[in-house]
Amino acid sequence: RSGSMSGSKMVQARDAASYIVNNLNEGDSFTLVDFDDIITRFRPGLVSYTIPARDSALAYIATLTARGMTNISGAFQQTIPCFTTVDDTAANIIIFLTDGQATAGQTNTDSIVAIVSRAVKATGKTIYIFTFGIGSDVNQQLLTLLASTNSGLPEFLGNDELEGRITDFYNTIRNPVMIAPNISFSSPAIAEPYPDPLPNLYKGQQLLVSGIYTSAVGGTVTFSGTSFGRPVSYQYDLTLADTLVEKHSFLPKIWAKLKIEFLLVRYYSAPS
């Protein structure tokens, strides 16, 4: 709710939040936290999705206007403790939107990341944080670190992309299928699979994993994680080519792109 969110950005933010509230699943719990240099909340904690709760949340969203500065650390300190009492089978997700630098509360990048890390650890839960930076004045390092260190992804949007990208994102993550996935290979010749760590897998979504190998030794690949509160594991036979396959010559570029994204996170994580 910083002053820079005035105009179409605030309209889009309200519309995106309303879309999410209108499309929650039965059994979901949710809340809304809005912040500038003041932190306010729809409810003190998470509330179960019901028709009255939905209507009350929509009325709350309609009152939101652009206002003051940007207290990112305070927003997370108010939000993360809401997850302390959730069921262990829940997929705990924070969708975080900002269009500016931290200008109130803690403003140092490393300090904000540390505050969030301590708060998440105190809940005893895994919380997935997806960050959305709007416009050109966001701290990309901060938003990348907040997402990558909490098993989420950062996205950076133009001023007019907010509503469309958020609603598309929500439609992707509203039905989690595999939480905290892991991949392993029987062959020691296979190395550096990316992305690292693997992102959660959601209904209708594909997961692309790319690695390298030093010799064409086959074997098996095992994909495991938690699905609907239960551990699951799938095993597949793996055949590796021992000569160049020309039609697959695009694959090294995919692996290189995924590794560059991994290294970019490492770069942002390095001390200033």
Protein backbone atom coordinates (compact mmCIF):
# COMPACT_ATOMS: atom_id res chain seq x y z
CA ARG A 1 0.00 0.00 0.00
CA SER A 2 2.93 2.37 -0.51
CA GLY A 3 2.14 5.66 -2.20
CA SER A 4 3.75 4.48 -5.44
CA MET A 5 0.98 1.86 -5.80
CA SER A 6 -1.60 4.56 -6.53
CA GLY A 7 -3.63 4.44 -9.72
CA SER A 8 -3.83 1.36 -11.94
CA LYS A 9 -1.36 -0.72 -9.89
CA MET A 10 -3.60 -0.59 -6.82
CA VAL A 11 -6.67 -1.37 -8.94
CA GLN A 12 -4.89 -4.41 -10.39
CA ALA A 13 -3.70 -5.52 -6.95
CA ARG A 14 -7.23 -5.35 -5.55
CA ASP A 15 -8.62 -7.19 -8.56
CA ALA A 16 -5.96 -9.93 -8.30
CA ALA A 17 -6.61 -10.38 -4.56
CA SER A 18 -10.35 -10.51 -5.19
CA TYR A 19 -9.86 -13.14 -7.88
CA ILE A 20 -7.88 -15.36 -5.50
CA VAL A 21 -10.44 -15.01 -2.72
CA ASN A 22 -13.26 -15.80 -5.16
CA ASN A 23 -11.47 -18.95 -6.32
CA LEU A 24 -10.32 -20.52 -3.06
CA ASN A 25 -11.03 -24.22 -2.66
CA GLU A 26 -13.28 -25.74 -0.03
CA GLY A 27 -11.01 -26.65 2.89
CA ASP A 28 -8.56 -23.79 2.24
CA SER A 29 -7.61 -21.31 4.94
CA PHE A 30 -6.44 -17.79 4.12
CA THR A 31 -5.83 -14.26 5.27
CA LEU A 32 -4.80 -10.91 3.80
CA VAL A 33 -2.01 -8.67 5.07
CA ASP A 34 -1.67 -5.16 3.63
CA PHE A 35 1.29 -2.96 4.40
CA ASP A 36 2.96 0.36 3.88
CA ASP A 37 4.73 1.73 6.97
CA ILE A 38 1.65 0.48 8.86
CA ILE A 39 0.76 -3.23 8.85
CA THR A 40 -2.93 -4.17 8.89
CA ARG A 41 -4.66 -7.53 8.49
CA PHE A 42 -8.02 -8.87 7.39
CA ARG A 43 -8.01 -11.23 10.40
CA PRO A 44 -5.42 -11.87 13.15
CA GLY A 45 -4.80 -15.39 11.81
CA LEU A 46 -5.86 -17.75 9.04
CA VAL A 47 -9.60 -18.23 8.57
CA SER A 48 -11.39 -21.15 6.94
CA TYR A 49 -12.87 -20.45 3.53
CA THR A 50 -16.63 -20.00 3.82
CA ILE A 51 -19.08 -17.86 1.87
CA PRO A 52 -19.36 -15.29 4.73
CA ALA A 53 -15.55 -15.19 5.08
CA ARG A 54 -15.20 -14.72 1.32
CA ASP A 55 -17.69 -11.85 1.24
CA SER A 56 -16.06 -10.19 4.23
CA ALA A 57 -12.62 -10.48 2.60
CA LEU A 58 -13.89 -8.99 -0.66
CA ALA A 59 -15.35 -6.04 1.23
CA TYR A 60 -12.00 -5.60 3.02
CA ILE A 61 -10.06 -5.64 -0.26
CA ALA A 62 -12.33 -2.96 -1.71
CA THR A 63 -11.24 -0.53 1.03
CA LEU A 64 -7.51 -0.77 0.25
CA THR A 65 -5.81 2.35 -1.10
CA ALA A 66 -2.23 3.48 -1.67
CA ARG A 67 -0.91 5.22 1.40
CA GLY A 68 2.61 5.44 2.82
CA MET A 69 6.08 3.85 2.81
CA THR A 70 7.16 0.17 2.49
CA ASN A 71 7.75 -2.02 5.56
CA ILE A 72 8.56 -5.40 4.02
CA SER A 73 10.05 -6.93 7.17
CA GLY A 74 7.01 -5.94 9.21
CA ALA A 75 4.65 -7.51 6.68
CA PHE A 76 6.40 -10.87 6.96
CA GLN A 77 6.63 -10.66 10.75
CA GLN A 78 2.86 -10.25 10.88
CA THR A 79 2.15 -12.96 8.28
CA ILE A 80 4.43 -15.91 9.00
CA PRO A 81 3.21 -16.67 12.57
CA CYS A 82 -0.27 -17.31 11.11
CA PHE A 83 1.03 -20.70 9.93
CA THR A 84 2.10 -21.94 13.38
CA THR A 85 -1.05 -23.98 14.02
CA VAL A 86 -1.82 -25.28 10.52
CA ASP A 87 -2.15 -28.98 9.78
CA ASP A 88 1.09 -30.67 8.71
CA THR A 89 -0.49 -31.76 5.41
CA ALA A 90 -1.17 -28.18 4.30
CA ALA A 91 0.72 -26.53 1.45
CA ASN A 92 1.65 -23.26 3.18
CA ILE A 93 1.97 -20.50 0.60
CA ILE A 94 2.61 -16.76 0.83
CA ILE A 95 2.00 -14.64 -2.28
CA PHE A 96 3.95 -11.42 -1.70
CA LEU A 97 3.54 -8.30 -3.85
CA THR A 98 5.55 -5.09 -3.74
CA ASP A 99 6.46 -2.33 -6.18
CA GLY A 100 9.33 -0.73 -4.26
CA GLN A 101 12.35 -0.89 -2.03
CA ALA A 102 12.06 -1.41 1.73
CA THR A 103 11.83 2.12 3.16
CA ALA A 104 10.41 1.44 6.64
CA GLY A 105 11.17 -1.11 9.35
CA GLN A 106 14.31 -3.09 8.54
CA THR A 107 15.68 -1.94 5.18
CA ASN A 108 18.88 -4.01 4.84
CA THR A 109 18.51 -6.96 2.45
CA ASP A 110 20.46 -9.51 4.51
CA SER A 111 18.65 -8.46 7.68
CA ILE A 112 15.20 -8.84 6.08
CA VAL A 113 16.10 -12.30 4.76
CA ALA A 114 17.35 -13.28 8.23
CA ILE A 115 14.15 -11.99 9.88
CA VAL A 116 12.03 -14.04 7.51
CA SER A 117 14.19 -17.13 8.00
CA ARG A 118 13.93 -16.93 11.80
CA ALA A 119 10.17 -16.39 11.64
CA VAL A 120 9.68 -19.40 9.35
CA LYS A 121 11.89 -21.58 11.56
CA ALA A 122 9.88 -20.57 14.64
CA THR A 123 6.68 -21.96 13.08
CA GLY A 124 8.16 -25.42 12.64
CA LYS A 125 6.57 -25.51 9.18
CA THR A 126 7.73 -25.34 5.59
CA ILE A 127 6.37 -22.14 4.05
CA TYR A 128 6.61 -21.51 0.31
CA ILE A 129 7.11 -17.84 -0.53
CA PHE A 130 6.40 -16.56 -4.05
CA THR A 131 7.47 -12.96 -4.62
CA PHE A 132 6.20 -10.58 -7.27
CA GLY A 133 8.07 -7.36 -7.98
CA ILE A 134 6.10 -4.73 -9.89
CA GLY A 135 7.86 -2.13 -12.00
CA SER A 136 11.50 -1.09 -12.15
CA ASP A 137 12.08 0.10 -8.57
CA VAL A 138 12.04 -3.25 -6.77
CA ASN A 139 14.97 -4.88 -4.99
CA GLN A 140 15.46 -7.92 -7.23
CA GLN A 141 18.14 -9.37 -4.97
CA LEU A 142 15.82 -9.27 -1.95
CA LEU A 143 12.82 -10.75 -3.75
CA THR A 144 14.96 -13.49 -5.33
CA LEU A 145 16.44 -14.45 -1.96
CA LEU A 146 13.10 -14.43 -0.13
CA ALA A 147 11.65 -16.79 -2.75
CA SER A 148 14.63 -19.05 -3.39
CA THR A 149 15.43 -19.62 0.29
CA ASN A 150 11.80 -20.56 0.92
CA SER A 151 11.25 -22.98 -1.98
CA GLY A 152 9.35 -20.43 -4.08
CA LEU A 153 10.02 -18.44 -7.22
CA PRO A 154 10.45 -14.71 -7.87
CA GLU A 155 8.70 -12.95 -10.73
CA PHE A 156 9.22 -9.42 -11.99
CA LEU A 157 6.32 -7.71 -13.73
CA GLY A 158 5.64 -4.60 -15.72
CA ASN A 159 3.23 -2.07 -14.22
CA ASP A 160 0.36 -3.35 -16.36
CA GLU A 161 1.00 -7.08 -15.91
CA LEU A 162 0.06 -7.47 -12.26
CA GLU A 163 -3.52 -8.73 -12.43
CA GLY A 164 -3.02 -11.12 -15.34
CA ARG A 165 0.18 -12.69 -14.02
CA ILE A 166 -1.12 -13.09 -10.45
CA THR A 167 -4.38 -14.71 -11.54
CA ASP A 168 -2.52 -17.06 -13.91
CA PHE A 169 -0.12 -17.94 -11.10
CA TYR A 170 -2.92 -18.66 -8.66
CA ASN A 171 -4.69 -20.90 -11.15
CA THR A 172 -1.45 -22.91 -11.32
CA ILE A 173 -0.78 -23.29 -7.59
CA ARG A 174 -4.31 -23.68 -6.23
CA ASN A 175 -4.13 -27.50 -6.51
CA PRO A 176 -0.77 -28.85 -5.23
CA VAL A 177 -0.02 -32.41 -6.35
CA MET A 178 3.55 -33.04 -5.14
CA ILE A 179 5.06 -31.11 -2.24
CA ALA A 180 8.82 -30.99 -1.52
CA PRO A 181 9.75 -33.24 -4.47
CA ASN A 182 13.12 -34.94 -4.70
CA ILE A 183 14.88 -36.72 -7.55
CA SER A 184 17.68 -39.27 -7.34
CA PHE A 185 19.55 -41.46 -9.82
CA SER A 186 20.97 -44.96 -9.44
CA SER A 187 23.92 -44.10 -11.69
CA PRO A 188 26.76 -42.05 -10.13
CA ALA A 189 27.62 -40.85 -13.65
CA ILE A 190 24.65 -38.45 -13.56
CA ALA A 191 25.36 -35.08 -11.95
CA GLU A 192 24.12 -31.54 -11.45
CA PRO A 193 20.37 -31.93 -11.97
CA TYR A 194 18.56 -28.60 -12.06
CA PRO A 195 16.45 -26.90 -10.85
CA ASP A 196 17.94 -27.28 -7.39
CA PRO A 197 15.93 -27.53 -5.21
CA LEU A 198 12.99 -28.85 -7.21
CA PRO A 199 9.85 -26.69 -7.08
CA ASN A 200 6.50 -28.05 -5.95
CA LEU A 201 4.39 -29.66 -8.65
CA TYR A 202 0.82 -28.48 -9.21
CA LYS A 203 -2.15 -29.86 -11.12
CA GLY A 204 -1.79 -29.45 -14.88
CA GLN A 205 1.88 -28.46 -14.58
CA GLN A 206 4.98 -30.12 -16.01
CA LEU A 207 8.32 -30.34 -14.24
CA LEU A 208 11.45 -30.19 -16.38
CA VAL A 209 14.67 -31.53 -14.82
CA SER A 210 17.95 -31.42 -16.73
CA GLY A 211 21.35 -32.85 -15.76
CA ILE A 212 24.65 -33.97 -17.24
CA TYR A 213 26.37 -37.38 -17.34
CA THR A 214 29.92 -38.55 -17.91
CA SER A 215 29.17 -42.02 -19.27
CA ALA A 216 26.12 -43.65 -20.82
CA VAL A 217 25.33 -45.90 -17.86
CA GLY A 218 21.58 -46.35 -17.53
CA GLY A 219 19.69 -47.34 -14.44
CA THR A 220 16.72 -45.79 -12.73
CA VAL A 221 15.49 -42.38 -11.68
CA THR A 222 13.37 -42.03 -8.52
CA PHE A 223 10.94 -39.14 -8.04
CA SER A 224 9.49 -38.77 -4.54
CA GLY A 225 7.70 -36.29 -2.32
CA THR A 226 4.44 -35.73 -0.45
CA SER A 227 1.09 -35.95 -2.23
CA PHE A 228 -2.12 -35.04 -0.40
CA GLY A 229 -0.41 -35.55 2.95
CA ARG A 230 1.12 -38.94 2.12
CA PRO A 231 4.66 -39.85 1.02
CA VAL A 232 4.83 -41.14 -2.56
CA SER A 233 7.64 -42.41 -4.76
CA TYR A 234 7.83 -43.22 -8.48
CA GLN A 235 10.66 -45.04 -10.24
CA TYR A 236 11.44 -45.00 -13.96
CA ASP A 237 13.99 -46.77 -16.15
CA LEU A 238 16.59 -44.48 -17.64
CA THR A 239 18.37 -44.91 -20.96
CA LEU A 240 21.26 -42.59 -21.83
CA ALA A 241 22.61 -42.00 -25.35
CA ASP A 242 26.29 -42.83 -25.85
CA THR A 243 26.63 -40.80 -29.06
CA LEU A 244 25.48 -37.36 -30.15
CA VAL A 245 21.82 -37.28 -31.13
CA GLU A 246 21.53 -34.28 -33.41
CA LYS A 247 17.81 -33.70 -32.87
CA HIS A 248 18.50 -33.37 -29.13
CA SER A 249 21.24 -30.75 -29.53
CA PHE A 250 19.01 -28.16 -27.83
CA LEU A 251 19.22 -29.99 -24.49
CA PRO A 252 22.59 -28.55 -23.35
CA LYS A 253 21.09 -25.05 -23.66
CA ILE A 254 18.23 -26.03 -21.35
CA TRP A 255 20.67 -27.39 -18.77
CA ALA A 256 22.84 -24.27 -19.09
CA LYS A 257 19.84 -21.97 -18.57
CA LEU A 258 18.77 -23.87 -15.43
CA LYS A 259 22.32 -23.77 -14.06
CA ILE A 260 22.61 -20.03 -14.74
CA GLU A 261 19.38 -19.49 -12.77
CA PHE A 262 20.84 -21.58 -9.92
CA LEU A 263 24.09 -19.59 -9.97
CA LEU A 264 22.19 -16.31 -10.02
CA VAL A 265 20.58 -17.24 -6.71
CA ARG A 266 24.04 -18.13 -5.33
CA TYR A 267 25.29 -14.77 -6.57
CA TYR A 268 22.48 -12.90 -4.81
CA SER A 269 23.19 -14.95 -1.66
CA ALA A 270 26.86 -13.99 -1.53
CA PRO A 271 27.90 -11.37 1.06
CA SER A 272 27.82 -7.81 -0.26
